[in-house]
Amino acid sequence: MANHKSALKRIRANEKKRLRNRYQVKQLRATLKQLNATKEKSEAETLLKTASSQLDKLARKNVIHKNKAANQKSKLTKQVSALG
């Protein structure tokens, strides 16, 4: 266990950040599941916009790697444009 006041504070802060990151990644996964399940192009486009925004936000905060976000956005865009 940590002995210094600053180390105890760092432990508390890290736990808060970890929970926040997990929540945001879970929200992203839910959006991606909805997007994969939809068959309507108009609905898929609105979900793509939301997912894209979430991916950018997570990449900006270094929760996920920026290249992973770019790859996922590219894959999703292709998937939505293929819908008829």
PDB file of N, CA and C in Angstrom:
ATOM      1  N   MET A   1       0.848  -1.189   0.000  1.00  0.00           N
ATOM      2  CA  MET A   1       0.000   0.000   0.000  1.00  0.00           C
ATOM      3  C   MET A   1       0.884   1.240   0.000  1.00  0.00           C
ATOM      4  N   ALA A   2       0.392   2.290  -0.607  1.00  0.00           N
ATOM      5  CA  ALA A   2       1.152   3.535  -0.713  1.00  0.00           C
ATOM      6  C   ALA A   2       1.280   4.214   0.649  1.00  0.00           C
ATOM      7  N   ASN A   3       2.408   4.859   0.851  1.00  0.00           N
ATOM      8  CA  ASN A   3       2.670   5.531   2.126  1.00  0.00           C
ATOM      9  C   ASN A   3       2.553   7.040   2.039  1.00  0.00           C
ATOM     10  N   HIS A   4       2.715   7.596   0.838  1.00  0.00           N
ATOM     11  CA  HIS A   4       2.697   9.050   0.687  1.00  0.00           C
ATOM     12  C   HIS A   4       1.314   9.548   0.324  1.00  0.00           C
ATOM     13  N   LYS A   5       1.051  10.764   0.764  1.00  0.00           N
ATOM     14  CA  LYS A   5      -0.244  11.387   0.501  1.00  0.00           C
ATOM     15  C   LYS A   5      -0.497  11.505  -1.010  1.00  0.00           C
ATOM     16  N   SER A   6       0.530  11.916  -1.742  1.00  0.00           N
ATOM     17  CA  SER A   6       0.385  12.095  -3.185  1.00  0.00           C
ATOM     18  C   SER A   6       0.135  10.759  -3.888  1.00  0.00           C
ATOM     19  N   ALA A   7       0.745   9.692  -3.383  1.00  0.00           N
ATOM     20  CA  ALA A   7       0.539   8.373  -3.988  1.00  0.00           C
ATOM     21  C   ALA A   7      -0.890   7.892  -3.752  1.00  0.00           C
ATOM     22  N   LEU A   8      -1.417   8.173  -2.576  1.00  0.00           N
ATOM     23  CA  LEU A   8      -2.811   7.807  -2.287  1.00  0.00           C
ATOM     24  C   LEU A   8      -3.765   8.571  -3.191  1.00  0.00           C
ATOM     25  N   LYS A   9      -3.464   9.847  -3.407  1.00  0.00           N
ATOM     26  CA  LYS A   9      -4.305  10.664  -4.289  1.00  0.00           C
ATOM     27  C   LYS A   9      -4.226  10.135  -5.725  1.00  0.00           C
ATOM     28  N   ARG A  10      -3.028   9.748  -6.165  1.00  0.00           N
ATOM     29  CA  ARG A  10      -2.846   9.222  -7.516  1.00  0.00           C
ATOM     30  C   ARG A  10      -3.654   7.940  -7.690  1.00  0.00           C
ATOM     31  N   ILE A  11      -3.686   7.096  -6.670  1.00  0.00           N
ATOM     32  CA  ILE A  11      -4.460   5.850  -6.722  1.00  0.00           C
ATOM     33  C   ILE A  11      -5.948   6.170  -6.897  1.00  0.00           C
ATOM     34  N   ARG A  12      -6.439   7.144  -6.130  1.00  0.00           N
ATOM     35  CA  ARG A  12      -7.854   7.530  -6.241  1.00  0.00           C
ATOM     36  C   ARG A  12      -8.159   8.093  -7.627  1.00  0.00           C
ATOM     37  N   ALA A  13      -7.286   8.959  -8.121  1.00  0.00           N
ATOM     38  CA  ALA A  13      -7.499   9.588  -9.429  1.00  0.00           C
ATOM     39  C   ALA A  13      -7.467   8.547 -10.543  1.00  0.00           C
ATOM     40  N   ASN A  14      -6.519   7.611 -10.448  1.00  0.00           N
ATOM     41  CA  ASN A  14      -6.413   6.570 -11.480  1.00  0.00           C
ATOM     42  C   ASN A  14      -7.657   5.691 -11.521  1.00  0.00           C
ATOM     43  N   GLU A  15      -8.204   5.390 -10.364  1.00  0.00           N
ATOM     44  CA  GLU A  15      -9.416   4.565 -10.313  1.00  0.00           C
ATOM     45  C   GLU A  15     -10.595   5.299 -10.964  1.00  0.00           C
ATOM     46  N   LYS A  16     -10.722   6.592 -10.698  1.00  0.00           N
ATOM     47  CA  LYS A  16     -11.796   7.377 -11.329  1.00  0.00           C
ATOM     48  C   LYS A  16     -11.642   7.389 -12.840  1.00  0.00           C
ATOM     49  N   LYS A  17     -10.414   7.603 -13.311  1.00  0.00           N
ATOM     50  CA  LYS A  17     -10.163   7.629 -14.754  1.00  0.00           C
ATOM     51  C   LYS A  17     -10.445   6.274 -15.387  1.00  0.00           C
ATOM     52  N   ARG A  18     -10.039   5.194 -14.694  1.00  0.00           N
ATOM     53  CA  ARG A  18     -10.259   3.845 -15.210  1.00  0.00           C
ATOM     54  C   ARG A  18     -11.749   3.569 -15.388  1.00  0.00           C
ATOM     55  N   LEU A  19     -12.542   3.951 -14.390  1.00  0.00           N
ATOM     56  CA  LEU A  19     -13.985   3.727 -14.475  1.00  0.00           C
ATOM     57  C   LEU A  19     -14.616   4.565 -15.584  1.00  0.00           C
ATOM     58  N   ARG A  20     -14.165   5.809 -15.713  1.00  0.00           N
ATOM     59  CA  ARG A  20     -14.687   6.687 -16.767  1.00  0.00           C
ATOM     60  C   ARG A  20     -14.348   6.122 -18.135  1.00  0.00           C
ATOM     61  N   ASN A  21     -13.111   5.663 -18.314  1.00  0.00           N
ATOM     62  CA  ASN A  21     -12.687   5.091 -19.595  1.00  0.00           C
ATOM     63  C   ASN A  21     -13.484   3.833 -19.929  1.00  0.00           C
ATOM     64  N   ARG A  22     -13.689   2.967 -18.937  1.00  0.00           N
ATOM     65  CA  ARG A  22     -14.457   1.744 -19.165  1.00  0.00           C
ATOM     66  C   ARG A  22     -15.882   2.076 -19.598  1.00  0.00           C
ATOM     67  N   TYR A  23     -16.496   3.068 -18.955  1.00  0.00           N
ATOM     68  CA  TYR A  23     -17.852   3.469 -19.290  1.00  0.00           C
ATOM     69  C   TYR A  23     -17.921   3.977 -20.730  1.00  0.00           C
ATOM     70  N   GLN A  24     -16.965   4.819 -21.117  1.00  0.00           N
ATOM     71  CA  GLN A  24     -16.989   5.387 -22.461  1.00  0.00           C
ATOM     72  C   GLN A  24     -16.747   4.322 -23.524  1.00  0.00           C
ATOM     73  N   VAL A  25     -15.849   3.380 -23.254  1.00  0.00           N
ATOM     74  CA  VAL A  25     -15.593   2.307 -24.212  1.00  0.00           C
ATOM     75  C   VAL A  25     -16.821   1.410 -24.327  1.00  0.00           C
ATOM     76  N   LYS A  26     -17.501   1.182 -23.202  1.00  0.00           N
ATOM     77  CA  LYS A  26     -18.716   0.362 -23.218  1.00  0.00           C
ATOM     78  C   LYS A  26     -19.817   1.047 -24.039  1.00  0.00           C
ATOM     79  N   GLN A  27     -19.937   2.366 -23.911  1.00  0.00           N
ATOM     80  CA  GLN A  27     -20.908   3.116 -24.717  1.00  0.00           C
ATOM     81  C   GLN A  27     -20.590   2.975 -26.202  1.00  0.00           C
ATOM     82  N   LEU A  28     -19.307   3.054 -26.536  1.00  0.00           N
ATOM     83  CA  LEU A  28     -18.884   2.911 -27.928  1.00  0.00           C
ATOM     84  C   LEU A  28     -19.259   1.530 -28.453  1.00  0.00           C
ATOM     85  N   ARG A  29     -18.989   0.488 -27.667  1.00  0.00           N
ATOM     86  CA  ARG A  29     -19.325  -0.872 -28.100  1.00  0.00           C
ATOM     87  C   ARG A  29     -20.824  -1.027 -28.339  1.00  0.00           C
ATOM     88  N   ALA A  30     -21.637  -0.408 -27.493  1.00  0.00           N
ATOM     89  CA  ALA A  30     -23.090  -0.475 -27.661  1.00  0.00           C
ATOM     90  C   ALA A  30     -23.511   0.206 -28.966  1.00  0.00           C
ATOM     91  N   THR A  31     -22.907   1.350 -29.254  1.00  0.00           N
ATOM     92  CA  THR A  31     -23.206   2.062 -30.498  1.00  0.00           C
ATOM     93  C   THR A  31     -22.795   1.221 -31.706  1.00  0.00           C
ATOM     94  N   LEU A  32     -21.632   0.581 -31.622  1.00  0.00           N
ATOM     95  CA  LEU A  32     -21.159  -0.247 -32.730  1.00  0.00           C
ATOM     96  C   LEU A  32     -22.073  -1.452 -32.955  1.00  0.00           C
ATOM     97  N   LYS A  33     -22.576  -2.032 -31.872  1.00  0.00           N
ATOM     98  CA  LYS A  33     -23.513  -3.159 -32.010  1.00  0.00           C
ATOM     99  C   LYS A  33     -24.791  -2.713 -32.710  1.00  0.00           C
ATOM    100  N   GLN A  34     -25.297  -1.534 -32.317  1.00  0.00           N
ATOM    101  CA  GLN A  34     -26.502  -0.995 -32.963  1.00  0.00           C
ATOM    102  C   GLN A  34     -26.242  -0.762 -34.443  1.00  0.00           C
ATOM    103  N   LEU A  35     -25.080  -0.201 -34.739  1.00  0.00           N
ATOM    104  CA  LEU A  35     -24.727   0.113 -36.121  1.00  0.00           C
ATOM    105  C   LEU A  35     -24.615  -1.156 -36.959  1.00  0.00           C
ATOM    106  N   ASN A  36     -24.023  -2.190 -36.403  1.00  0.00           N
ATOM    107  CA  ASN A  36     -23.890  -3.449 -37.135  1.00  0.00           C
ATOM    108  C   ASN A  36     -25.232  -4.136 -37.348  1.00  0.00           C
ATOM    109  N   ALA A  37     -26.167  -3.909 -36.444  1.00  0.00           N
ATOM    110  CA  ALA A  37     -27.468  -4.571 -36.530  1.00  0.00           C
ATOM    111  C   ALA A  37     -28.431  -3.862 -37.483  1.00  0.00           C
ATOM    112  N   THR A  38     -28.220  -2.584 -37.726  1.00  0.00           N
ATOM    113  CA  THR A  38     -29.186  -1.824 -38.529  1.00  0.00           C
ATOM    114  C   THR A  38     -29.056  -2.140 -40.018  1.00  0.00           C
ATOM    115  N   LYS A  39     -30.180  -2.074 -40.694  1.00  0.00           N
ATOM    116  CA  LYS A  39     -30.219  -2.336 -42.137  1.00  0.00           C
ATOM    117  C   LYS A  39     -30.625  -1.092 -42.932  1.00  0.00           C
ATOM    118  N   GLU A  40     -31.122  -0.065 -42.231  1.00  0.00           N
ATOM    119  CA  GLU A  40     -31.552   1.159 -42.917  1.00  0.00           C
ATOM    120  C   GLU A  40     -30.387   2.125 -43.024  1.00  0.00           C
ATOM    121  N   LYS A  41     -30.221   2.668 -44.219  1.00  0.00           N
ATOM    122  CA  LYS A  41     -29.071   3.543 -44.468  1.00  0.00           C
ATOM    123  C   LYS A  41     -29.157   4.844 -43.682  1.00  0.00           C
ATOM    124  N   SER A  42     -30.325   5.447 -43.583  1.00  0.00           N
ATOM    125  CA  SER A  42     -30.448   6.729 -42.881  1.00  0.00           C
ATOM    126  C   SER A  42     -30.131   6.588 -41.394  1.00  0.00           C
ATOM    127  N   GLU A  43     -30.632   5.515 -40.796  1.00  0.00           N
ATOM    128  CA  GLU A  43     -30.353   5.252 -39.379  1.00  0.00           C
ATOM    129  C   GLU A  43     -28.869   4.942 -39.170  1.00  0.00           C
ATOM    130  N   ALA A  44     -28.300   4.184 -40.125  1.00  0.00           N
ATOM    131  CA  ALA A  44     -26.884   3.816 -40.029  1.00  0.00           C
ATOM    132  C   ALA A  44     -25.991   5.046 -40.127  1.00  0.00           C
ATOM    133  N   GLU A  45     -26.387   6.006 -40.956  1.00  0.00           N
ATOM    134  CA  GLU A  45     -25.579   7.228 -41.101  1.00  0.00           C
ATOM    135  C   GLU A  45     -25.566   8.047 -39.811  1.00  0.00           C
ATOM    136  N   THR A  46     -26.700   8.130 -39.133  1.00  0.00           N
ATOM    137  CA  THR A  46     -26.724   8.874 -37.869  1.00  0.00           C
ATOM    138  C   THR A  46     -25.908   8.146 -36.799  1.00  0.00           C
ATOM    139  N   LEU A  47     -25.996   6.810 -36.780  1.00  0.00           N
ATOM    140  CA  LEU A  47     -25.191   6.033 -35.833  1.00  0.00           C
ATOM    141  C   LEU A  47     -23.706   6.115 -36.159  1.00  0.00           C
ATOM    142  N   LEU A  48     -23.382   6.187 -37.446  1.00  0.00           N
ATOM    143  CA  LEU A  48     -21.984   6.322 -37.862  1.00  0.00           C
ATOM    144  C   LEU A  48     -21.413   7.642 -37.360  1.00  0.00           C
ATOM    145  N   LYS A  49     -22.204   8.687 -37.454  1.00  0.00           N
ATOM    146  CA  LYS A  49     -21.756  10.000 -36.977  1.00  0.00           C
ATOM    147  C   LYS A  49     -21.472   9.960 -35.472  1.00  0.00           C
ATOM    148  N   THR A  50     -22.367   9.314 -34.722  1.00  0.00           N
ATOM    149  CA  THR A  50     -22.188   9.180 -33.267  1.00  0.00           C
ATOM    150  C   THR A  50     -20.953   8.339 -32.949  1.00  0.00           C
ATOM    151  N   ALA A  51     -20.812   7.201 -33.622  1.00  0.00           N
ATOM    152  CA  ALA A  51     -19.675   6.310 -33.374  1.00  0.00           C
ATOM    153  C   ALA A  51     -18.361   6.995 -33.731  1.00  0.00           C
ATOM    154  N   SER A  52     -18.379   7.720 -34.825  1.00  0.00           N
ATOM    155  CA  SER A  52     -17.185   8.433 -35.269  1.00  0.00           C
ATOM    156  C   SER A  52     -16.751   9.461 -34.236  1.00  0.00           C
ATOM    157  N   SER A  53     -17.715  10.164 -33.696  1.00  0.00           N
ATOM    158  CA  SER A  53     -17.445  11.158 -32.665  1.00  0.00           C
ATOM    159  C   SER A  53     -16.874  10.500 -31.407  1.00  0.00           C
ATOM    160  N   GLN A  54     -17.470   9.392 -31.009  1.00  0.00           N
ATOM    161  CA  GLN A  54     -16.992   8.670 -29.823  1.00  0.00           C
ATOM    162  C   GLN A  54     -15.571   8.154 -30.031  1.00  0.00           C
ATOM    163  N   LEU A  55     -15.302   7.616 -31.215  1.00  0.00           N
ATOM    164  CA  LEU A  55     -13.958   7.115 -31.512  1.00  0.00           C
ATOM    165  C   LEU A  55     -12.926   8.240 -31.454  1.00  0.00           C
ATOM    166  N   ASP A  56     -13.268   9.385 -32.044  1.00  0.00           N
ATOM    167  CA  ASP A  56     -12.350  10.522 -32.027  1.00  0.00           C
ATOM    168  C   ASP A  56     -12.061  10.981 -30.608  1.00  0.00           C
ATOM    169  N   LYS A  57     -13.098  11.027 -29.792  1.00  0.00           N
ATOM    170  CA  LYS A  57     -12.936  11.470 -28.413  1.00  0.00           C
ATOM    171  C   LYS A  57     -12.036  10.519 -27.631  1.00  0.00           C
ATOM    172  N   LEU A  58     -12.250   9.211 -27.791  1.00  0.00           N
ATOM    173  CA  LEU A  58     -11.426   8.230 -27.083  1.00  0.00           C
ATOM    174  C   LEU A  58      -9.983   8.249 -27.573  1.00  0.00           C
ATOM    175  N   ALA A  59      -9.781   8.473 -28.857  1.00  0.00           N
ATOM    176  CA  ALA A  59      -8.426   8.542 -29.398  1.00  0.00           C
ATOM    177  C   ALA A  59      -7.724   9.807 -28.909  1.00  0.00           C
ATOM    178  N   ARG A  60      -8.461  10.901 -28.839  1.00  0.00           N
ATOM    179  CA  ARG A  60      -7.879  12.169 -28.383  1.00  0.00           C
ATOM    180  C   ARG A  60      -7.417  12.069 -26.934  1.00  0.00           C
ATOM    181  N   LYS A  61      -8.146  11.289 -26.144  1.00  0.00           N
ATOM    182  CA  LYS A  61      -7.801  11.136 -24.720  1.00  0.00           C
ATOM    183  C   LYS A  61      -6.889   9.941 -24.468  1.00  0.00           C
ATOM    184  N   ASN A  62      -6.387   9.313 -25.544  1.00  0.00           N
ATOM    185  CA  ASN A  62      -5.474   8.170 -25.461  1.00  0.00           C
ATOM    186  C   ASN A  62      -6.075   6.966 -24.739  1.00  0.00           C
ATOM    187  N   VAL A  63      -7.382   6.818 -24.806  1.00  0.00           N
ATOM    188  CA  VAL A  63      -8.020   5.619 -24.262  1.00  0.00           C
ATOM    189  C   VAL A  63      -7.818   4.476 -25.260  1.00  0.00           C
ATOM    190  N   ILE A  64      -7.955   4.793 -26.555  1.00  0.00           N
ATOM    191  CA  ILE A  64      -7.615   3.845 -27.610  1.00  0.00           C
ATOM    192  C   ILE A  64      -6.599   4.526 -28.521  1.00  0.00           C
ATOM    193  N   HIS A  65      -5.860   3.752 -29.287  1.00  0.00           N
ATOM    194  CA  HIS A  65      -4.840   4.305 -30.171  1.00  0.00           C
ATOM    195  C   HIS A  65      -5.499   5.025 -31.339  1.00  0.00           C
ATOM    196  N   LYS A  66      -4.869   6.095 -31.813  1.00  0.00           N
ATOM    197  CA  LYS A  66      -5.467   6.889 -32.892  1.00  0.00           C
ATOM    198  C   LYS A  66      -5.601   6.093 -34.187  1.00  0.00           C
ATOM    199  N   ASN A  67      -4.661   5.177 -34.440  1.00  0.00           N
ATOM    200  CA  ASN A  67      -4.760   4.367 -35.660  1.00  0.00           C
ATOM    201  C   ASN A  67      -5.902   3.364 -35.571  1.00  0.00           C
ATOM    202  N   LYS A  68      -6.153   2.841 -34.380  1.00  0.00           N
ATOM    203  CA  LYS A  68      -7.282   1.927 -34.193  1.00  0.00           C
ATOM    204  C   LYS A  68      -8.583   2.667 -34.478  1.00  0.00           C
ATOM    205  N   ALA A  69      -8.678   3.897 -33.988  1.00  0.00           N
ATOM    206  CA  ALA A  69      -9.877   4.701 -34.231  1.00  0.00           C
ATOM    207  C   ALA A  69     -10.056   4.954 -35.727  1.00  0.00           C
ATOM    208  N   ALA A  70      -8.969   5.285 -36.399  1.00  0.00           N
ATOM    209  CA  ALA A  70      -9.029   5.552 -37.841  1.00  0.00           C
ATOM    210  C   ALA A  70      -9.438   4.299 -38.607  1.00  0.00           C
ATOM    211  N   ASN A  71      -8.887   3.138 -38.227  1.00  0.00           N
ATOM    212  CA  ASN A  71      -9.235   1.890 -38.900  1.00  0.00           C
ATOM    213  C   ASN A  71     -10.709   1.540 -38.701  1.00  0.00           C
ATOM    214  N   GLN A  72     -11.195   1.715 -37.480  1.00  0.00           N
ATOM    215  CA  GLN A  72     -12.598   1.404 -37.208  1.00  0.00           C
ATOM    216  C   GLN A  72     -13.526   2.349 -37.967  1.00  0.00           C
ATOM    217  N   LYS A  73     -13.187   3.639 -38.000  1.00  0.00           N
ATOM    218  CA  LYS A  73     -14.011   4.599 -38.728  1.00  0.00           C
ATOM    219  C   LYS A  73     -14.057   4.260 -40.216  1.00  0.00           C
ATOM    220  N   SER A  74     -12.919   3.870 -40.767  1.00  0.00           N
ATOM    221  CA  SER A  74     -12.854   3.505 -42.176  1.00  0.00           C
ATOM    222  C   SER A  74     -13.723   2.281 -42.467  1.00  0.00           C
ATOM    223  N   LYS A  75     -13.594   1.277 -41.626  1.00  0.00           N
ATOM    224  CA  LYS A  75     -14.360   0.036 -41.789  1.00  0.00           C
ATOM    225  C   LYS A  75     -15.865   0.314 -41.702  1.00  0.00           C
ATOM    226  N   LEU A  76     -16.257   1.130 -40.717  1.00  0.00           N
ATOM    227  CA  LEU A  76     -17.665   1.436 -40.533  1.00  0.00           C
ATOM    228  C   LEU A  76     -18.219   2.262 -41.699  1.00  0.00           C
ATOM    229  N   THR A  77     -17.418   3.191 -42.187  1.00  0.00           N
ATOM    230  CA  THR A  77     -17.856   4.010 -43.322  1.00  0.00           C
ATOM    231  C   THR A  77     -18.103   3.149 -44.555  1.00  0.00           C
ATOM    232  N   LYS A  78     -17.203   2.205 -44.807  1.00  0.00           N
ATOM    233  CA  LYS A  78     -17.397   1.272 -45.919  1.00  0.00           C
ATOM    234  C   LYS A  78     -18.668   0.463 -45.739  1.00  0.00           C
ATOM    235  N   GLN A  79     -18.878   0.005 -44.530  1.00  0.00           N
ATOM    236  CA  GLN A  79     -20.047  -0.828 -44.220  1.00  0.00           C
ATOM    237  C   GLN A  79     -21.341  -0.035 -44.450  1.00  0.00           C
ATOM    238  N   VAL A  80     -21.377   1.214 -44.014  1.00  0.00           N
ATOM    239  CA  VAL A  80     -22.587   2.032 -44.164  1.00  0.00           C
ATOM    240  C   VAL A  80     -22.813   2.389 -45.632  1.00  0.00           C
ATOM    241  N   SER A  81     -21.744   2.692 -46.364  1.00  0.00           N
ATOM    242  CA  SER A  81     -21.916   3.055 -47.764  1.00  0.00           C
ATOM    243  C   SER A  81     -22.357   1.866 -48.611  1.00  0.00           C
ATOM    244  N   ALA A  82     -22.081   0.644 -48.140  1.00  0.00           N
ATOM    245  CA  ALA A  82     -22.506  -0.550 -48.878  1.00  0.00           C
ATOM    246  C   ALA A  82     -23.985  -0.853 -48.686  1.00  0.00           C
ATOM    247  N   LEU A  83     -24.585  -0.250 -47.657  1.00  0.00           N
ATOM    248  CA  LEU A  83     -26.020  -0.472 -47.441  1.00  0.00           C
ATOM    249  C   LEU A  83     -26.811   0.146 -48.574  1.00  0.00           C
ATOM    250  N   GLY A  84     -27.895  -0.479 -48.941  1.00  0.00           N
ATOM    251  CA  GLY A  84     -28.670   0.021 -50.058  1.00  0.00           C
ATOM    252  C   GLY A  84     -29.954   0.446 -49.635  1.00  0.00           C
TER     253      GLY A  84
END
